[in-house]
Amino acid sequence: MTRPEPNCIMFAKISVLGLVVAAYFCLPGVQQFATEGITYLRYRNFEGLRQFILSYGLWAPLTSIALMTLQSMVPLVPGLIITITNAWIFGWKFGTLYSWAGALLGAGLDFGIARWYGRPVVERFISVKYLIFTDTFFKRHGVLAVFITRLIPIVPFKVISYGAGLTKISLLQFTVATAIGQTPAIVLYSILGQNLTHDFKMVAVITSLLIIAGLVVYYYRDTFERYFIPHKNK
């Protein structure tokens, strides 16, 4: 039987949620930032997104990171668009850094929401059928499942983040697996996006290579677990 939460924790959860809602509707520019930024992402408007980020001047890097973090919570909004645009604006090195930081913060935010608020709230963001899949996958492979799915760009980023938050995986394990696993895709897509070539053949090649890498890790998962997660064998 699940023990009821202490009143102070319940109050904290409600307070945090209330502050977020109040900030969205009351702080100047927050609602406009979220609405406009997500619209550019949803419609794959690279030029509009570029102008939007640059309009913040010296704050452009933080704007990019904030937008990448925000999109992690919104269904059907691709983070890849920000990754490519960041490389176009800042060059692939700084673009990679900003995209990597924003993606990691967003993943941590999703994980925290799931861990703190639980399945009923997560089901408002993620379909139950996807959560059933992640339940099984994480139960079978643990933290290695996070690393594998981060390598494969076609696996929805936010589904894994929310799903992991509903498991016993620690925040540290999740963060490390995400930080390492997401790096190859972000670096490769940033290099491609530096000139915004729209070379969809190269996008397909990179995506295919990353999928193969993920499958290789999955195939040799026992070896990876033996060397990198030694406590599983104790």
Protein backbone atom coordinates (compact mmCIF):
# COMPACT_ATOMS: atom_id res chain seq x y z
CA MET A 1 0.00 0.00 0.00
CA THR A 2 1.36 3.43 -0.98
CA ARG A 3 1.95 5.74 1.95
CA PRO A 4 0.26 9.14 1.68
CA GLU A 5 2.55 12.08 1.07
CA PRO A 6 3.24 14.50 3.94
CA ASN A 7 1.25 17.70 3.70
CA CYS A 8 4.41 19.79 3.30
CA ILE A 9 5.47 17.87 0.17
CA MET A 10 2.01 18.11 -1.34
CA PHE A 11 1.98 21.85 -0.61
CA ALA A 12 5.41 22.25 -2.25
CA LYS A 13 4.27 20.45 -5.40
CA ILE A 14 1.16 22.60 -5.69
CA SER A 15 3.16 25.76 -4.99
CA VAL A 16 5.75 25.03 -7.66
CA LEU A 17 3.03 24.32 -10.20
CA GLY A 18 1.25 27.53 -9.22
CA LEU A 19 4.43 29.59 -9.61
CA VAL A 20 5.05 28.17 -13.09
CA VAL A 21 1.50 28.98 -14.18
CA ALA A 22 1.72 32.47 -12.67
CA ALA A 23 5.05 33.12 -14.40
CA TYR A 24 3.63 32.04 -17.75
CA PHE A 25 0.60 34.33 -17.55
CA CYS A 26 1.93 37.24 -15.50
CA LEU A 27 5.62 37.82 -16.26
CA PRO A 28 6.12 40.12 -19.27
CA GLY A 29 7.29 38.32 -22.38
CA VAL A 30 7.19 34.75 -21.04
CA GLN A 31 4.02 33.70 -22.83
CA GLN A 32 5.10 35.41 -26.04
CA PHE A 33 8.53 33.75 -25.87
CA ALA A 34 7.03 30.29 -25.43
CA THR A 35 4.32 30.70 -28.05
CA GLU A 36 6.50 32.29 -30.72
CA GLY A 37 9.46 29.97 -30.20
CA ILE A 38 7.40 26.79 -30.26
CA THR A 39 5.56 27.98 -33.37
CA TYR A 40 8.83 28.36 -35.30
CA LEU A 41 9.87 24.88 -34.20
CA ARG A 42 6.57 23.24 -35.00
CA TYR A 43 6.56 24.62 -38.55
CA ARG A 44 10.30 23.98 -39.13
CA ASN A 45 10.83 27.68 -39.81
CA PHE A 46 14.64 27.90 -39.69
CA GLU A 47 14.90 31.53 -40.77
CA GLY A 48 12.17 32.66 -38.38
CA LEU A 49 13.81 30.76 -35.52
CA ARG A 50 17.21 32.25 -36.36
CA GLN A 51 15.83 35.80 -36.30
CA PHE A 52 13.92 35.03 -33.10
CA ILE A 53 17.04 33.85 -31.26
CA LEU A 54 19.24 36.66 -32.58
CA SER A 55 16.65 39.27 -31.57
CA TYR A 56 17.74 38.72 -27.96
CA GLY A 57 21.21 40.09 -28.70
CA LEU A 58 23.78 39.16 -26.04
CA TRP A 59 21.19 36.86 -24.50
CA ALA A 60 20.90 34.80 -27.69
CA PRO A 61 22.85 31.79 -26.33
CA LEU A 62 20.69 31.65 -23.19
CA THR A 63 17.61 32.09 -25.37
CA SER A 64 18.64 29.09 -27.42
CA ILE A 65 19.28 26.97 -24.33
CA ALA A 66 15.95 28.03 -22.79
CA LEU A 67 14.09 27.21 -25.99
CA MET A 68 15.72 23.76 -26.22
CA THR A 69 14.73 23.15 -22.59
CA LEU A 70 11.17 24.32 -23.21
CA GLN A 71 10.60 22.16 -26.28
CA SER A 72 11.37 19.05 -24.24
CA MET A 73 7.99 19.40 -22.55
CA VAL A 74 5.94 19.95 -25.70
CA PRO A 75 4.76 16.91 -27.71
CA LEU A 76 5.56 16.71 -31.44
CA VAL A 77 8.07 19.59 -31.34
CA PRO A 78 11.48 18.50 -32.72
CA GLY A 79 14.64 19.57 -30.90
CA LEU A 80 16.66 18.80 -34.05
CA ILE A 81 15.45 22.11 -35.53
CA ILE A 82 17.15 24.04 -32.71
CA THR A 83 20.32 21.97 -33.03
CA ILE A 84 20.67 22.80 -36.71
CA THR A 85 19.74 26.47 -36.20
CA ASN A 86 22.21 26.84 -33.34
CA ALA A 87 25.02 25.57 -35.55
CA TRP A 88 23.91 27.96 -38.28
CA ILE A 89 23.99 30.93 -35.89
CA PHE A 90 26.92 30.18 -33.59
CA GLY A 91 29.03 27.72 -35.60
CA TRP A 92 29.06 24.02 -34.92
CA LYS A 93 31.28 24.16 -31.80
CA PHE A 94 29.29 26.69 -29.79
CA GLY A 95 26.08 25.46 -31.41
CA THR A 96 26.85 21.97 -30.13
CA LEU A 97 27.51 23.32 -26.63
CA TYR A 98 24.26 25.28 -26.44
CA SER A 99 22.17 22.47 -27.91
CA TRP A 100 23.81 19.90 -25.62
CA ALA A 101 23.22 22.01 -22.52
CA GLY A 102 19.61 22.79 -23.43
CA ALA A 103 18.83 19.16 -24.25
CA LEU A 104 20.35 17.99 -20.97
CA LEU A 105 18.44 20.58 -18.95
CA GLY A 106 15.22 19.66 -20.75
CA ALA A 107 15.76 15.96 -20.13
CA GLY A 108 16.42 16.64 -16.46
CA LEU A 109 13.27 18.75 -16.24
CA ASP A 110 11.13 16.00 -17.76
CA PHE A 111 12.74 13.41 -15.48
CA GLY A 112 12.08 15.62 -12.44
CA ILE A 113 8.45 16.20 -13.37
CA ALA A 114 7.88 12.46 -13.72
CA ARG A 115 9.75 11.64 -10.51
CA TRP A 116 8.01 14.31 -8.43
CA TYR A 117 4.48 14.36 -9.82
CA GLY A 118 4.12 10.72 -10.90
CA ARG A 119 2.38 8.81 -13.66
CA PRO A 120 -1.01 10.61 -13.66
CA VAL A 121 0.70 13.88 -14.64
CA VAL A 122 3.08 12.22 -17.12
CA GLU A 123 0.14 10.62 -18.92
CA ARG A 124 -1.01 14.13 -19.83
CA PHE A 125 2.17 14.55 -21.87
CA ILE A 126 2.91 11.02 -23.07
CA SER A 127 0.62 8.34 -24.49
CA VAL A 128 0.03 5.37 -22.19
CA LYS A 129 1.17 2.91 -24.87
CA TYR A 130 4.59 4.58 -24.98
CA LEU A 131 4.87 4.49 -21.21
CA ILE A 132 4.08 0.78 -21.20
CA PHE A 133 6.94 0.27 -23.67
CA THR A 134 9.38 2.32 -21.59
CA ASP A 135 8.34 0.48 -18.43
CA THR A 136 9.31 -2.84 -20.01
CA PHE A 137 12.48 -1.52 -21.65
CA PHE A 138 13.82 0.14 -18.51
CA LYS A 139 12.91 -2.82 -16.32
CA ARG A 140 14.93 -5.09 -18.61
CA HIS A 141 17.97 -2.89 -19.30
CA GLY A 142 18.04 -0.21 -16.60
CA VAL A 143 20.23 2.84 -17.15
CA LEU A 144 21.78 1.30 -20.29
CA ALA A 145 18.37 1.76 -21.92
CA VAL A 146 18.76 5.53 -21.50
CA PHE A 147 22.17 5.49 -23.17
CA ILE A 148 20.98 3.32 -26.09
CA THR A 149 17.92 5.44 -26.81
CA ARG A 150 19.93 8.67 -26.63
CA LEU A 151 22.17 7.38 -29.40
CA ILE A 152 19.19 6.77 -31.69
CA PRO A 153 17.68 10.12 -32.81
CA ILE A 154 14.40 8.65 -34.02
CA VAL A 155 13.46 7.63 -30.46
CA PRO A 156 11.43 10.52 -28.97
CA PHE A 157 13.68 12.28 -26.45
CA LYS A 158 10.93 13.34 -24.08
CA VAL A 159 9.31 9.90 -23.96
CA ILE A 160 12.53 8.43 -22.56
CA SER A 161 13.01 11.28 -20.10
CA TYR A 162 9.52 11.04 -18.67
CA GLY A 163 9.62 7.25 -18.71
CA ALA A 164 12.94 7.11 -16.86
CA GLY A 165 11.54 9.39 -14.17
CA LEU A 166 8.94 6.75 -13.35
CA THR A 167 11.61 4.11 -12.67
CA LYS A 168 14.17 3.55 -9.89
CA ILE A 169 17.00 4.95 -12.04
CA SER A 170 18.76 7.70 -10.08
CA LEU A 171 18.99 11.27 -11.35
CA LEU A 172 22.80 10.96 -11.51
CA GLN A 173 22.66 7.78 -13.61
CA PHE A 174 20.07 9.33 -15.91
CA THR A 175 22.06 12.55 -16.31
CA VAL A 176 25.35 10.80 -17.11
CA ALA A 177 23.73 8.38 -19.59
CA THR A 178 21.91 11.25 -21.30
CA ALA A 179 24.94 13.54 -21.37
CA ILE A 180 27.12 10.91 -23.03
CA GLY A 181 24.49 9.27 -25.22
CA GLN A 182 23.16 12.48 -26.80
CA THR A 183 26.61 13.83 -27.71
CA PRO A 184 27.28 12.00 -31.01
CA ALA A 185 23.95 13.02 -32.56
CA ILE A 186 24.22 16.66 -31.47
CA VAL A 187 27.81 16.96 -32.72
CA LEU A 188 27.09 15.36 -36.10
CA TYR A 189 23.88 17.30 -36.75
CA SER A 190 25.62 20.53 -35.68
CA ILE A 191 28.46 19.98 -38.14
CA LEU A 192 25.89 19.36 -40.86
CA GLY A 193 23.77 22.33 -39.83
CA GLN A 194 26.60 24.89 -39.67
CA ASN A 195 25.89 25.96 -43.24
CA LEU A 196 22.21 24.98 -43.09
CA THR A 197 22.59 23.02 -46.30
CA HIS A 198 19.24 21.24 -46.00
CA ASP A 199 21.08 18.18 -47.30
CA PHE A 200 18.47 15.62 -46.40
CA LYS A 201 20.58 12.81 -47.82
CA MET A 202 23.28 13.59 -45.26
CA VAL A 203 20.66 13.81 -42.52
CA ALA A 204 19.48 10.35 -43.54
CA VAL A 205 23.05 9.00 -43.58
CA ILE A 206 23.84 10.42 -40.13
CA THR A 207 20.56 9.16 -38.71
CA SER A 208 21.19 5.70 -40.16
CA LEU A 209 24.71 5.59 -38.68
CA LEU A 210 23.39 6.60 -35.26
CA ILE A 211 20.68 3.94 -35.44
CA ILE A 212 23.32 1.35 -36.29
CA ALA A 213 25.45 2.54 -33.36
CA GLY A 214 22.47 2.17 -31.04
CA LEU A 215 21.74 -1.31 -32.32
CA VAL A 216 25.39 -2.33 -31.87
CA VAL A 217 25.31 -1.15 -28.26
CA TYR A 218 22.06 -3.03 -27.75
CA TYR A 219 23.46 -6.22 -29.29
CA TYR A 220 26.53 -6.08 -27.05
CA ARG A 221 24.59 -4.77 -24.04
CA ASP A 222 25.83 -7.56 -21.76
CA THR A 223 29.43 -6.56 -22.42
CA PHE A 224 28.66 -2.89 -21.82
CA GLU A 225 26.87 -3.71 -18.59
CA ARG A 226 29.78 -5.87 -17.44
CA TYR A 227 32.35 -3.11 -17.94
CA PHE A 228 30.39 0.05 -17.25
CA ILE A 229 27.71 -1.09 -14.78
CA PRO A 230 29.61 -3.63 -12.69
CA HIS A 231 27.20 -3.57 -9.74
CA LYS A 232 24.63 -5.46 -11.85
CA ASN A 233 26.79 -8.57 -11.65
CA LYS A 234 27.17 -8.53 -7.88
